[in-house]
PDB file of N, CA and C in Angstrom:
ATOM      1  N   MET A   1       2.416  -2.061 -16.127  1.00  0.00           N
ATOM      2  CA  MET A   1       2.380  -1.011 -17.614  1.00  0.00           C
ATOM      3  C   MET A   1       1.163  -1.404 -18.292  1.00  0.00           C
ATOM      4  N   ALA A   2       0.967  -2.920 -18.532  1.00  0.00           N
ATOM      5  CA  ALA A   2      -0.152  -3.260 -18.873  1.00  0.00           C
ATOM      6  C   ALA A   2      -1.495  -2.812 -18.556  1.00  0.00           C
ATOM      7  N   GLY A   3      -1.352  -2.712 -17.152  1.00  0.00           N
ATOM      8  CA  GLY A   3      -2.499  -2.261 -16.303  1.00  0.00           C
ATOM      9  C   GLY A   3      -3.137  -0.914 -16.749  1.00  0.00           C
ATOM     10  N   SER A   4      -2.114   0.041 -16.870  1.00  0.00           N
ATOM     11  CA  SER A   4      -2.370   1.069 -17.248  1.00  0.00           C
ATOM     12  C   SER A   4      -2.529   1.633 -18.625  1.00  0.00           C
ATOM     13  N   ALA A   5      -2.338   0.886 -19.465  1.00  0.00           N
ATOM     14  CA  ALA A   5      -2.456   1.124 -21.106  1.00  0.00           C
ATOM     15  C   ALA A   5      -3.939   0.568 -21.046  1.00  0.00           C
ATOM     16  N   LEU A   6      -4.352  -0.678 -20.449  1.00  0.00           N
ATOM     17  CA  LEU A   6      -5.638  -1.116 -20.519  1.00  0.00           C
ATOM     18  C   LEU A   6      -6.679  -0.169 -19.743  1.00  0.00           C
ATOM     19  N   ARG A   7      -6.394   0.648 -18.642  1.00  0.00           N
ATOM     20  CA  ARG A   7      -7.382   1.640 -18.138  1.00  0.00           C
ATOM     21  C   ARG A   7      -7.261   2.578 -18.857  1.00  0.00           C
ATOM     22  N   ALA A   8      -6.178   3.285 -19.676  1.00  0.00           N
ATOM     23  CA  ALA A   8      -6.540   4.250 -20.550  1.00  0.00           C
ATOM     24  C   ALA A   8      -7.082   3.829 -21.655  1.00  0.00           C
ATOM     25  N   ARG A   9      -6.834   2.481 -22.100  1.00  0.00           N
ATOM     26  CA  ARG A   9      -8.016   2.248 -23.337  1.00  0.00           C
ATOM     27  C   ARG A   9      -9.530   2.494 -22.767  1.00  0.00           C
ATOM     28  N   LEU A  10     -10.039   2.087 -21.590  1.00  0.00           N
ATOM     29  CA  LEU A  10     -11.064   1.788 -21.485  1.00  0.00           C
ATOM     30  C   LEU A  10     -11.533   3.559 -20.646  1.00  0.00           C
ATOM     31  N   ASP A  11     -11.239   4.176 -20.280  1.00  0.00           N
ATOM     32  CA  ASP A  11     -11.387   5.352 -20.251  1.00  0.00           C
ATOM     33  C   ASP A  11     -11.672   6.399 -21.300  1.00  0.00           C
ATOM     34  N   ALA A  12     -10.641   6.213 -22.453  1.00  0.00           N
ATOM     35  CA  ALA A  12     -11.073   6.431 -23.845  1.00  0.00           C
ATOM     36  C   ALA A  12     -12.458   6.019 -24.244  1.00  0.00           C
ATOM     37  N   ILE A  13     -12.670   5.031 -23.981  1.00  0.00           N
ATOM     38  CA  ILE A  13     -13.863   4.053 -24.719  1.00  0.00           C
ATOM     39  C   ILE A  13     -15.348   4.661 -23.888  1.00  0.00           C
ATOM     40  N   ALA A  14     -14.752   4.846 -22.569  1.00  0.00           N
ATOM     41  CA  ALA A  14     -15.741   5.678 -21.680  1.00  0.00           C
ATOM     42  C   ALA A  14     -16.133   6.831 -22.028  1.00  0.00           C
ATOM     43  N   ARG A  15     -15.125   7.878 -22.488  1.00  0.00           N
ATOM     44  CA  ARG A  15     -15.540   9.115 -22.936  1.00  0.00           C
ATOM     45  C   ARG A  15     -16.226   9.299 -24.117  1.00  0.00           C
ATOM     46  N   ARG A  16     -15.849   8.370 -25.186  1.00  0.00           N
ATOM     47  CA  ARG A  16     -16.481   8.338 -26.502  1.00  0.00           C
ATOM     48  C   ARG A  16     -18.122   7.927 -26.183  1.00  0.00           C
ATOM     49  N   ARG A  17     -18.205   7.133 -25.436  1.00  0.00           N
ATOM     50  CA  ARG A  17     -19.282   6.439 -24.976  1.00  0.00           C
ATOM     51  C   ARG A  17     -20.174   7.614 -24.597  1.00  0.00           C
ATOM     52  N   ALA A  18     -19.626   8.584 -23.745  1.00  0.00           N
ATOM     53  CA  ALA A  18     -20.272   9.901 -23.399  1.00  0.00           C
ATOM     54  C   ALA A  18     -20.682  10.773 -24.316  1.00  0.00           C
ATOM     55  N   VAL A  19     -19.607  11.014 -25.052  1.00  0.00           N
ATOM     56  CA  VAL A  19     -20.003  11.601 -26.200  1.00  0.00           C
ATOM     57  C   VAL A  19     -21.042  11.183 -27.245  1.00  0.00           C
ATOM     58  N   LEU A  20     -21.060   9.989 -27.411  1.00  0.00           N
ATOM     59  CA  LEU A  20     -22.002   9.391 -28.646  1.00  0.00           C
ATOM     60  C   LEU A  20     -23.504   9.730 -27.815  1.00  0.00           C
ATOM     61  N   GLY A  21     -23.559   9.266 -26.325  1.00  0.00           N
ATOM     62  CA  GLY A  21     -24.826   9.561 -25.727  1.00  0.00           C
ATOM     63  C   GLY A  21     -25.303  10.818 -25.960  1.00  0.00           C
ATOM     64  N   ALA A  22     -24.453  11.944 -25.704  1.00  0.00           N
ATOM     65  CA  ALA A  22     -25.051  13.148 -25.946  1.00  0.00           C
ATOM     66  C   ALA A  22     -25.356  13.703 -27.178  1.00  0.00           C
ATOM     67  N   GLU A  23     -24.648  12.974 -28.315  1.00  0.00           N
ATOM     68  CA  GLU A  23     -25.009  13.085 -29.597  1.00  0.00           C
ATOM     69  C   GLU A  23     -26.161  12.682 -29.905  1.00  0.00           C
ATOM     70  N   VAL A  24     -26.681  11.325 -29.473  1.00  0.00           N
ATOM     71  CA  VAL A  24     -27.791  10.836 -29.521  1.00  0.00           C
ATOM     72  C   VAL A  24     -29.021  11.559 -28.972  1.00  0.00           C
ATOM     73  N   GLN A  25     -28.768  12.494 -27.759  1.00  0.00           N
ATOM     74  CA  GLN A  25     -29.642  12.891 -26.765  1.00  0.00           C
ATOM     75  C   GLN A  25     -30.324  14.074 -27.793  1.00  0.00           C
ATOM     76  N   GLN A  26     -29.253  14.781 -28.667  1.00  0.00           N
ATOM     77  CA  GLN A  26     -29.348  15.856 -29.269  1.00  0.00           C
ATOM     78  C   GLN A  26     -30.162  15.439 -30.380  1.00  0.00           C
ATOM     79  N   GLN A  27     -29.950  14.446 -30.770  1.00  0.00           N
ATOM     80  CA  GLN A  27     -30.917  13.812 -32.380  1.00  0.00           C
ATOM     81  C   GLN A  27     -32.450  13.601 -31.640  1.00  0.00           C
ATOM     82  N   ARG A  28     -32.334  12.967 -30.680  1.00  0.00           N
ATOM     83  CA  ARG A  28     -33.677  12.717 -30.060  1.00  0.00           C
ATOM     84  C   ARG A  28     -34.813  13.931 -29.860  1.00  0.00           C
ATOM     85  N   VAL A  29     -33.814  15.081 -29.506  1.00  0.00           N
ATOM     86  CA  VAL A  29     -34.522  16.304 -29.245  1.00  0.00           C
ATOM     87  C   VAL A  29     -35.042  16.805 -30.640  1.00  0.00           C
ATOM     88  N   LYS A  30     -34.026  16.935 -31.765  1.00  0.00           N
ATOM     89  CA  LYS A  30     -34.407  17.321 -33.020  1.00  0.00           C
ATOM     90  C   LYS A  30     -35.703  16.407 -33.542  1.00  0.00           C
ATOM     91  N   MET A  31     -35.630  15.224 -33.402  1.00  0.00           N
ATOM     92  CA  MET A  31     -36.880  14.752 -33.833  1.00  0.00           C
ATOM     93  C   MET A  31     -38.055  14.436 -33.362  1.00  0.00           C
ATOM     94  N   ARG A  32     -38.002  15.089 -31.924  1.00  0.00           N
ATOM     95  CA  ARG A  32     -38.963  15.315 -31.093  1.00  0.00           C
ATOM     96  C   ARG A  32     -40.001  16.410 -31.996  1.00  0.00           C
ATOM     97  N   GLY A  33     -38.976  17.449 -32.248  1.00  0.00           N
ATOM     98  CA  GLY A  33     -39.646  18.676 -32.966  1.00  0.00           C
ATOM     99  C   GLY A  33     -40.009  18.544 -34.152  1.00  0.00           C
ATOM    100  N   SER A  34     -39.406  17.752 -34.763  1.00  0.00           N
ATOM    101  CA  SER A  34     -39.881  17.287 -36.231  1.00  0.00           C
ATOM    102  C   SER A  34     -41.025  16.294 -36.591  1.00  0.00           C
ATOM    103  N   LEU A  35     -41.193  15.674 -35.158  1.00  0.00           N
ATOM    104  CA  LEU A  35     -42.429  14.807 -35.386  1.00  0.00           C
ATOM    105  C   LEU A  35     -43.605  15.732 -34.825  1.00  0.00           C
ATOM    106  N   ALA A  36     -43.452  16.495 -34.059  1.00  0.00           N
ATOM    107  CA  ALA A  36     -44.354  17.533 -33.637  1.00  0.00           C
ATOM    108  C   ALA A  36     -45.079  18.424 -34.784  1.00  0.00           C
ATOM    109  N   GLN A  37     -44.135  19.065 -35.906  1.00  0.00           N
ATOM    110  CA  GLN A  37     -44.388  19.709 -36.666  1.00  0.00           C
ATOM    111  C   GLN A  37     -45.207  18.501 -37.821  1.00  0.00           C
ATOM    112  N   LEU A  38     -44.768  17.437 -37.776  1.00  0.00           N
ATOM    113  CA  LEU A  38     -45.388  16.756 -38.664  1.00  0.00           C
ATOM    114  C   LEU A  38     -46.603  16.181 -38.177  1.00  0.00           C
ATOM    115  N   ARG A  39     -46.918  16.167 -36.769  1.00  0.00           N
ATOM    116  CA  ARG A  39     -48.332  15.562 -36.300  1.00  0.00           C
ATOM    117  C   ARG A  39     -49.258  16.929 -36.635  1.00  0.00           C
ATOM    118  N   THR A  40     -48.735  18.180 -36.950  1.00  0.00           N
ATOM    119  CA  THR A  40     -49.513  19.424 -36.855  1.00  0.00           C
ATOM    120  C   THR A  40     -50.164  19.323 -38.253  1.00  0.00           C
ATOM    121  N   ASP A  41     -49.181  19.209 -39.358  1.00  0.00           N
ATOM    122  CA  ASP A  41     -49.215  19.016 -40.575  1.00  0.00           C
ATOM    123  C   ASP A  41     -50.424  18.313 -40.927  1.00  0.00           C
ATOM    124  N   LEU A  42     -49.801  17.047 -40.589  1.00  0.00           N
ATOM    125  CA  LEU A  42     -51.228  16.112 -40.772  1.00  0.00           C
ATOM    126  C   LEU A  42     -52.590  16.358 -40.456  1.00  0.00           C
ATOM    127  N   ALA A  43     -52.562  16.875 -39.184  1.00  0.00           N
ATOM    128  CA  ALA A  43     -53.798  17.275 -38.755  1.00  0.00           C
ATOM    129  C   ALA A  43     -54.706  18.468 -39.638  1.00  0.00           C
ATOM    130  N   PHE A  44     -53.813  19.176 -39.702  1.00  0.00           N
ATOM    131  CA  PHE A  44     -54.334  20.176 -40.683  1.00  0.00           C
ATOM    132  C   PHE A  44     -54.802  19.869 -42.422  1.00  0.00           C
ATOM    133  N   ALA A  45     -54.011  19.085 -42.833  1.00  0.00           N
ATOM    134  CA  ALA A  45     -54.093  18.513 -44.039  1.00  0.00           C
ATOM    135  C   ALA A  45     -55.480  17.436 -43.954  1.00  0.00           C
ATOM    136  N   GLY A  46     -55.723  16.500 -42.673  1.00  0.00           N
ATOM    137  CA  GLY A  46     -56.668  16.022 -42.530  1.00  0.00           C
ATOM    138  C   GLY A  46     -58.166  17.032 -42.565  1.00  0.00           C
ATOM    139  N   ILE A  47     -57.827  17.862 -41.218  1.00  0.00           N
ATOM    140  CA  ILE A  47     -59.167  19.076 -41.680  1.00  0.00           C
ATOM    141  C   ILE A  47     -59.631  19.480 -42.911  1.00  0.00           C
ATOM    142  N   GLY A  48     -58.323  19.596 -43.756  1.00  0.00           N
ATOM    143  CA  GLY A  48     -58.665  20.318 -45.018  1.00  0.00           C
ATOM    144  C   GLY A  48     -59.231  19.074 -46.246  1.00  0.00           C
ATOM    145  N   LEU A  49     -58.779  18.005 -45.609  1.00  0.00           N
ATOM    146  CA  LEU A  49     -59.345  16.936 -46.675  1.00  0.00           C
ATOM    147  C   LEU A  49     -61.215  16.674 -46.303  1.00  0.00           C
ATOM    148  N   ILE A  50     -61.457  17.066 -45.389  1.00  0.00           N
ATOM    149  CA  ILE A  50     -62.673  16.718 -44.604  1.00  0.00           C
ATOM    150  C   ILE A  50     -63.442  18.022 -45.187  1.00  0.00           C
ATOM    151  N   ALA A  51     -62.861  19.109 -45.093  1.00  0.00           N
ATOM    152  CA  ALA A  51     -63.314  20.236 -45.556  1.00  0.00           C
ATOM    153  C   ALA A  51     -63.969  20.106 -47.093  1.00  0.00           C
ATOM    154  N   GLY A  52     -62.807  19.997 -47.623  1.00  0.00           N
ATOM    155  CA  GLY A  52     -62.795  19.792 -48.972  1.00  0.00           C
ATOM    156  C   GLY A  52     -64.050  18.621 -49.641  1.00  0.00           C
ATOM    157  N   ARG A  53     -64.152  17.933 -49.104  1.00  0.00           N
ATOM    158  CA  ARG A  53     -65.218  16.792 -49.186  1.00  0.00           C
ATOM    159  C   ARG A  53     -66.515  17.463 -49.055  1.00  0.00           C
ATOM    160  N   LEU A  54     -66.598  17.994 -47.818  1.00  0.00           N
ATOM    161  CA  LEU A  54     -67.922  18.845 -47.310  1.00  0.00           C
ATOM    162  C   LEU A  54     -68.259  19.563 -48.338  1.00  0.00           C
ATOM    163  N   LEU A  55     -67.372  20.559 -48.995  1.00  0.00           N
ATOM    164  CA  LEU A  55     -67.893  21.515 -49.821  1.00  0.00           C
ATOM    165  C   LEU A  55     -68.090  20.949 -51.441  1.00  0.00           C
ATOM    166  N   VAL A  56     -67.564  20.006 -51.562  1.00  0.00           N
ATOM    167  CA  VAL A  56     -67.882  19.206 -52.693  1.00  0.00           C
ATOM    168  C   VAL A  56     -69.349  18.616 -52.840  1.00  0.00           C
ATOM    169  N   ARG A  57     -69.177  18.214 -51.653  1.00  0.00           N
ATOM    170  CA  ARG A  57     -70.590  17.044 -51.822  1.00  0.00           C
ATOM    171  C   ARG A  57     -71.842  18.212 -51.438  1.00  0.00           C
ATOM    172  N   ARG A  58     -71.895  19.186 -50.898  1.00  0.00           N
ATOM    173  CA  ARG A  58     -72.751  20.248 -50.476  1.00  0.00           C
ATOM    174  C   ARG A  58     -72.812  21.699 -50.878  1.00  0.00           C
ATOM    175  N   PRO A  59     -73.235  21.754 -52.128  1.00  0.00           N
ATOM    176  CA  PRO A  59     -72.984  23.047 -52.754  1.00  0.00           C
ATOM    177  C   PRO A  59     -73.486  24.392 -52.074  1.00  0.00           C
ATOM    178  N   TRP A  60     -74.523  24.177 -51.337  1.00  0.00           N
ATOM    179  CA  TRP A  60     -74.909  25.430 -50.264  1.00  0.00           C
ATOM    180  C   TRP A  60     -73.838  25.683 -49.291  1.00  0.00           C
ATOM    181  N   LEU A  61     -73.069  24.923 -49.175  1.00  0.00           N
ATOM    182  CA  LEU A  61     -72.294  24.897 -47.877  1.00  0.00           C
ATOM    183  C   LEU A  61     -70.839  25.448 -48.477  1.00  0.00           C
ATOM    184  N   ARG A  62     -70.525  25.177 -49.965  1.00  0.00           N
ATOM    185  CA  ARG A  62     -69.264  25.820 -50.849  1.00  0.00           C
ATOM    186  C   ARG A  62     -70.081  27.370 -50.690  1.00  0.00           C
ATOM    187  N   ALA A  63     -71.083  27.452 -51.117  1.00  0.00           N
ATOM    188  CA  ALA A  63     -71.730  29.058 -51.551  1.00  0.00           C
ATOM    189  C   ALA A  63     -71.423  29.889 -50.193  1.00  0.00           C
ATOM    190  N   LEU A  64     -71.863  29.200 -48.807  1.00  0.00           N
ATOM    191  CA  LEU A  64     -71.775  29.475 -47.613  1.00  0.00           C
ATOM    192  C   LEU A  64     -70.439  30.300 -47.221  1.00  0.00           C
ATOM    193  N   VAL A  65     -69.572  29.336 -47.628  1.00  0.00           N
ATOM    194  CA  VAL A  65     -67.887  29.433 -47.135  1.00  0.00           C
ATOM    195  C   VAL A  65     -67.531  30.249 -48.016  1.00  0.00           C
ATOM    196  N   LEU A  66     -67.841  30.419 -49.265  1.00  0.00           N
ATOM    197  CA  LEU A  66     -67.025  31.142 -50.306  1.00  0.00           C
ATOM    198  C   LEU A  66     -67.760  32.743 -50.023  1.00  0.00           C
ATOM    199  N   GLY A  67     -69.005  33.059 -49.545  1.00  0.00           N
ATOM    200  CA  GLY A  67     -69.443  33.873 -49.106  1.00  0.00           C
ATOM    201  C   GLY A  67     -68.992  34.941 -48.124  1.00  0.00           C
ATOM    202  N   GLY A  68     -68.646  33.546 -47.045  1.00  0.00           N
ATOM    203  CA  GLY A  68     -67.799  34.325 -45.906  1.00  0.00           C
ATOM    204  C   GLY A  68     -66.532  34.670 -46.206  1.00  0.00           C
ATOM    205  N   LEU A  69     -65.909  34.125 -46.886  1.00  0.00           N
ATOM    206  CA  LEU A  69     -64.832  34.632 -47.139  1.00  0.00           C
ATOM    207  C   LEU A  69     -64.584  35.891 -47.790  1.00  0.00           C
ATOM    208  N   GLY A  70     -65.589  36.071 -49.054  1.00  0.00           N
ATOM    209  CA  GLY A  70     -65.432  36.953 -49.495  1.00  0.00           C
ATOM    210  C   GLY A  70     -65.976  38.580 -48.747  1.00  0.00           C
ATOM    211  N   ALA A  71     -66.833  37.948 -47.580  1.00  0.00           N
ATOM    212  CA  ALA A  71     -67.201  39.247 -46.569  1.00  0.00           C
ATOM    213  C   ALA A  71     -65.845  39.537 -46.119  1.00  0.00           C
ATOM    214  N   LEU A  72     -65.159  38.515 -45.573  1.00  0.00           N
ATOM    215  CA  LEU A  72     -64.033  38.873 -44.565  1.00  0.00           C
ATOM    216  C   LEU A  72     -63.114  39.545 -45.736  1.00  0.00           C
ATOM    217  N   ALA A  73     -62.811  39.117 -46.741  1.00  0.00           N
ATOM    218  CA  ALA A  73     -61.693  40.054 -47.737  1.00  0.00           C
ATOM    219  C   ALA A  73     -62.270  41.364 -47.964  1.00  0.00           C
ATOM    220  N   ALA A  74     -63.615  41.343 -47.956  1.00  0.00           N
ATOM    221  CA  ALA A  74     -64.183  43.001 -48.170  1.00  0.00           C
ATOM    222  C   ALA A  74     -63.968  43.621 -46.998  1.00  0.00           C
ATOM    223  N   SER A  75     -63.977  43.166 -45.917  1.00  0.00           N
ATOM    224  CA  SER A  75     -63.637  44.029 -44.404  1.00  0.00           C
ATOM    225  C   SER A  75     -62.473  44.061 -44.290  1.00  0.00           C
ATOM    226  N   LYS A  76     -61.629  43.280 -44.627  1.00  0.00           N
ATOM    227  CA  LYS A  76     -59.994  43.750 -44.566  1.00  0.00           C
ATOM    228  C   LYS A  76     -59.492  44.943 -45.400  1.00  0.00           C
ATOM    229  N   LEU A  77     -60.089  44.973 -46.678  1.00  0.00           N
ATOM    230  CA  LEU A  77     -59.982  46.047 -47.617  1.00  0.00           C
ATOM    231  C   LEU A  77     -60.628  47.148 -47.126  1.00  0.00           C
ATOM    232  N   ALA A  78     -61.758  47.071 -46.593  1.00  0.00           N
ATOM    233  CA  ALA A  78     -62.354  48.206 -46.266  1.00  0.00           C
ATOM    234  C   ALA A  78     -61.760  48.976 -45.116  1.00  0.00           C
ATOM    235  N   ILE A  79     -60.738  47.985 -43.882  1.00  0.00           N
ATOM    236  CA  ILE A  79     -60.307  48.379 -42.597  1.00  0.00           C
ATOM    237  C   ILE A  79     -59.029  49.058 -43.514  1.00  0.00           C
ATOM    238  N   ARG A  80     -58.492  48.684 -44.089  1.00  0.00           N
ATOM    239  CA  ARG A  80     -56.982  49.285 -44.923  1.00  0.00           C
ATOM    240  C   ARG A  80     -57.360  50.727 -45.414  1.00  0.00           C
ATOM    241  N   ARG A  81     -58.404  50.916 -45.827  1.00  0.00           N
ATOM    242  CA  ARG A  81     -58.608  52.209 -46.218  1.00  0.00           C
ATOM    243  C   ARG A  81     -59.309  53.126 -45.577  1.00  0.00           C
TER     244      ARG A  81
END
């Protein structure tokens, strides 16, 4: 009788361990997605920082970028009409 009770407890522990293992795997999948998004956000922030510094230090480049953005906006408005 004691052997079967011990076996039942060990089986319950094994089932719980399997459930916990599945939960851990799900959390890892979620974390991978979150980390990928964070890496992308950091890359864009870094590019924005570099571009911002270049535009502040070089007025001619800032004028060129702003002119290009203005031309792009004007072409988008012209296409809509």
